N, C-alpha and C. Protein backbone atom coordinates (compact mmCIF):
# COMPACT_ATOMS: atom_id res chain seq x y z
N UNK A 1 57.39 78.40 89.24
CA UNK A 1 59.16 77.88 89.09
C UNK A 1 59.67 77.34 89.79
N UNK A 2 59.92 76.20 89.81
CA UNK A 2 60.78 75.20 90.76
C UNK A 2 62.21 75.33 90.58
N UNK A 3 62.48 74.96 91.45
CA UNK A 3 64.31 74.69 91.73
C UNK A 3 64.76 73.72 92.29
N UNK A 4 65.56 73.06 92.02
CA UNK A 4 66.13 72.02 92.67
C UNK A 4 67.63 72.09 93.46
N UNK A 5 68.04 71.25 94.43
CA UNK A 5 69.63 71.91 94.93
C UNK A 5 70.42 71.64 93.84
N UNK A 6 70.59 71.09 92.86
CA UNK A 6 71.43 70.93 91.51
C UNK A 6 71.51 72.42 90.86
N UNK A 7 70.33 73.11 90.96
CA UNK A 7 70.04 74.55 90.33
C UNK A 7 70.97 75.65 91.08
N UNK A 8 70.66 75.30 92.53
CA UNK A 8 70.97 76.18 93.10
C UNK A 8 72.28 76.17 93.62
N UNK A 9 72.92 74.86 93.44
CA UNK A 9 74.75 74.67 93.44
C UNK A 9 75.42 75.42 92.36
N UNK A 10 74.43 75.26 91.39
CA UNK A 10 74.97 75.88 89.54
C UNK A 10 74.95 77.25 90.08
N UNK A 11 74.01 77.71 90.36
CA UNK A 11 73.56 79.30 90.34
C UNK A 11 74.91 79.76 91.35
N UNK A 12 75.00 79.11 92.47
CA UNK A 12 75.75 79.75 93.31
C UNK A 12 77.52 79.42 93.00
N UNK A 13 78.00 78.68 92.46
CA UNK A 13 78.97 78.24 91.90
C UNK A 13 79.64 79.17 90.65
N UNK A 14 78.72 79.45 89.86
CA UNK A 14 78.60 80.71 88.84
C UNK A 14 78.90 82.06 89.65
N UNK A 15 78.18 82.37 90.73
CA UNK A 15 78.11 83.59 91.38
C UNK A 15 79.34 83.94 92.16
N UNK A 16 80.01 82.58 92.78
CA UNK A 16 81.25 82.59 93.84
C UNK A 16 81.96 81.73 93.43
N UNK A 17 82.65 82.18 92.72
CA UNK A 17 84.05 81.08 91.99
C UNK A 17 84.92 81.23 93.01
N UNK A 18 85.36 79.61 93.00
CA UNK A 18 86.46 79.46 94.02
C UNK A 18 86.04 78.85 95.33
N UNK A 19 84.58 78.88 95.20
CA UNK A 19 83.99 78.19 96.65
C UNK A 19 83.55 76.55 96.28
N UNK A 20 83.97 76.07 97.78
CA UNK A 20 83.23 74.85 97.53
C UNK A 20 81.96 74.72 97.89
N UNK A 21 80.31 74.30 97.00
CA UNK A 21 79.44 74.50 97.50
C UNK A 21 78.71 73.11 97.51
N UNK A 22 77.90 72.97 98.68
CA UNK A 22 77.16 71.62 98.12
C UNK A 22 75.75 71.90 98.67
N UNK A 23 74.84 71.45 97.94
CA UNK A 23 73.33 72.04 98.27
C UNK A 23 72.58 70.75 98.39
N UNK A 24 71.88 70.80 99.62
CA UNK A 24 71.33 69.45 99.24
C UNK A 24 69.59 70.02 100.20
N UNK A 25 68.54 68.89 99.62
CA UNK A 25 67.55 69.22 100.10
C UNK A 25 66.37 69.18 98.69
N UNK A 26 64.92 69.73 98.87
CA UNK A 26 64.17 69.81 97.58
C UNK A 26 62.85 70.38 98.23
N UNK A 27 61.79 70.53 97.53
CA UNK A 27 60.46 70.65 97.73
C UNK A 27 60.46 72.29 98.34
N UNK A 28 61.48 73.04 97.88
CA UNK A 28 61.61 74.31 98.42
C UNK A 28 62.34 74.65 99.99
N UNK A 29 62.96 73.48 100.12
CA UNK A 29 63.88 73.56 101.65
C UNK A 29 65.02 73.02 101.48
N UNK A 30 66.01 73.62 101.43
CA UNK A 30 67.43 73.69 101.13
C UNK A 30 68.55 73.76 102.77
N UNK A 31 69.68 72.73 101.77
CA UNK A 31 70.59 72.97 103.00
C UNK A 31 71.75 73.23 102.18
N UNK A 32 72.69 74.40 102.61
CA UNK A 32 73.91 75.00 102.05
C UNK A 32 74.80 74.88 102.71
N UNK A 33 75.63 74.29 102.27
CA UNK A 33 77.38 74.42 103.23
C UNK A 33 78.28 74.71 101.77
N UNK A 34 78.63 76.04 102.14
CA UNK A 34 79.99 76.65 101.17
C UNK A 34 81.19 76.71 102.18
N UNK A 35 82.19 76.75 101.17
CA UNK A 35 83.59 77.25 102.17
C UNK A 35 84.53 77.82 100.83
N UNK A 36 84.32 79.43 101.20
CA UNK A 36 85.34 79.85 100.43
C UNK A 36 86.11 81.09 100.95
N UNK A 37 87.00 81.65 100.31
CA UNK A 37 87.78 83.07 100.87
C UNK A 37 86.68 84.26 101.05
N UNK A 38 85.98 83.87 100.12
CA UNK A 38 84.83 85.45 100.08
C UNK A 38 84.33 85.64 101.17
N UNK A 39 84.37 84.54 102.43
CA UNK A 39 83.96 84.89 103.58
C UNK A 39 84.54 85.49 104.44
N UNK A 40 85.85 85.45 104.13
CA UNK A 40 86.73 86.29 104.91
C UNK A 40 86.48 87.74 105.49
N UNK A 41 86.55 87.81 106.53
CA UNK A 41 86.35 89.15 107.24
C UNK A 41 84.84 89.50 107.57
N UNK A 42 83.95 88.23 106.92
CA UNK A 42 82.71 88.84 107.01
C UNK A 42 82.02 88.38 108.18
N UNK A 43 80.88 88.39 109.08
CA UNK A 43 80.07 87.81 110.11
C UNK A 43 79.41 87.25 109.47
N UNK A 44 78.55 86.18 110.15
CA UNK A 44 77.40 85.55 109.87
C UNK A 44 76.12 86.05 109.07
N UNK A 45 76.12 87.42 109.05
CA UNK A 45 75.02 88.13 108.82
C UNK A 45 75.19 88.52 107.51
N UNK A 46 76.50 89.08 107.38
CA UNK A 46 77.33 89.82 105.93
C UNK A 46 77.24 88.47 105.05
N UNK A 47 77.57 87.19 105.52
CA UNK A 47 77.62 86.02 104.89
C UNK A 47 76.33 85.43 104.25
N UNK A 48 75.50 85.57 105.16
CA UNK A 48 74.23 85.11 104.52
C UNK A 48 73.67 86.09 103.49
N UNK A 49 73.73 87.63 103.75
CA UNK A 49 73.21 88.64 102.78
C UNK A 49 73.92 88.25 101.51
N UNK A 50 75.23 87.47 101.76
CA UNK A 50 75.77 87.64 100.26
C UNK A 50 75.02 86.29 99.42
N UNK A 51 75.03 85.32 100.01
CA UNK A 51 73.95 84.14 99.39
C UNK A 51 72.53 84.74 99.23
N UNK A 52 72.06 85.46 99.92
CA UNK A 52 70.86 85.93 99.64
C UNK A 52 70.52 86.63 98.35
N UNK A 53 71.48 87.57 98.16
CA UNK A 53 71.76 88.51 96.88
C UNK A 53 71.46 87.48 95.38
N UNK A 54 71.83 86.37 95.89
CA UNK A 54 72.04 85.53 94.44
C UNK A 54 70.65 84.63 94.27
N UNK A 55 70.09 84.49 95.53
CA UNK A 55 68.90 83.55 95.62
C UNK A 55 67.42 84.29 95.87
N UNK A 56 67.34 85.44 96.12
CA UNK A 56 66.27 86.55 96.42
C UNK A 56 65.16 86.11 95.24
N UNK A 57 65.59 86.40 94.00
CA UNK A 57 64.40 85.98 93.00
C UNK A 57 63.51 84.73 92.93
N UNK A 58 64.70 83.65 93.62
CA UNK A 58 63.87 82.32 93.65
C UNK A 58 63.04 82.39 95.36
N UNK A 59 63.58 82.93 96.40
CA UNK A 59 62.92 83.31 97.71
C UNK A 59 61.65 84.26 97.11
N UNK A 60 61.56 85.17 96.57
CA UNK A 60 60.53 85.77 96.30
C UNK A 60 59.59 85.26 95.68
N UNK A 61 60.04 84.16 94.72
CA UNK A 61 58.89 83.75 93.78
C UNK A 61 58.25 82.48 94.40
N UNK A 62 59.03 81.90 95.64
CA UNK A 62 58.27 81.06 96.69
C UNK A 62 59.09 79.54 96.01
N UNK A 63 59.73 79.75 94.98
CA UNK A 63 60.85 78.72 94.76
C UNK A 63 61.37 78.12 96.04
N UNK A 64 62.04 78.23 96.55
CA UNK A 64 62.97 78.65 98.11
C UNK A 64 62.00 79.03 99.16
N UNK A 65 61.38 78.09 99.88
CA UNK A 65 60.98 78.31 101.31
C UNK A 65 61.98 78.66 102.31
N UNK A 66 62.76 77.70 102.40
CA UNK A 66 63.71 77.93 103.80
C UNK A 66 65.00 77.13 103.28
N UNK A 67 66.08 77.98 103.56
CA UNK A 67 67.19 77.94 103.35
C UNK A 67 68.28 77.60 104.42
N UNK A 68 69.07 76.62 104.98
CA UNK A 68 69.94 76.94 106.11
C UNK A 68 71.20 76.92 105.69
N UNK A 69 71.96 77.58 106.36
CA UNK A 69 73.22 77.96 105.57
C UNK A 69 74.33 77.57 106.78
N UNK A 70 75.65 77.08 106.02
CA UNK A 70 76.77 76.78 107.44
C UNK A 70 78.01 77.50 106.02
N UNK A 71 78.29 78.98 106.56
CA UNK A 71 79.26 79.13 105.72
C UNK A 71 80.68 79.57 106.22
N UNK A 72 81.63 78.90 105.76
CA UNK A 72 82.82 79.21 106.42
C UNK A 72 84.10 79.57 105.40
N UNK A 73 84.76 79.75 105.96
CA UNK A 73 86.45 80.24 105.46
C UNK A 73 87.30 79.20 105.26
N UNK A 74 87.99 79.14 104.27
CA UNK A 74 89.15 77.59 104.52
C UNK A 74 89.28 77.31 105.58
N UNK A 75 90.02 78.40 106.55
CA UNK A 75 90.74 78.40 107.70
C UNK A 75 89.88 77.78 108.66
N UNK A 76 88.55 78.00 108.55
CA UNK A 76 87.42 77.67 109.55
C UNK A 76 86.53 76.30 109.35
N UNK A 77 87.04 76.04 108.50
CA UNK A 77 86.80 74.57 107.61
C UNK A 77 87.76 73.45 108.05
N UNK A 78 89.10 73.94 108.11
CA UNK A 78 90.25 73.07 108.43
C UNK A 78 90.50 72.58 106.97
N UNK A 79 90.46 73.50 106.09
CA UNK A 79 91.01 72.63 104.51
C UNK A 79 92.03 73.65 104.20
């Protein structure tokens, strides 16, 4: 099963309402930028774990080989 950037974008948008999400890439390698209050009070590892819990099935299947993440609160993003 393959997955593209738009699929990941839609999956995370549904899972994390209120987040601004931007996913780029393809071929199993993606770059994710997300801004949302859901990340408030969480360190980088906890933020990544929050994302991974929604993507684990696609990582386990091999559809996602690598994903780099930039996860920020609105304050950190300056918005």
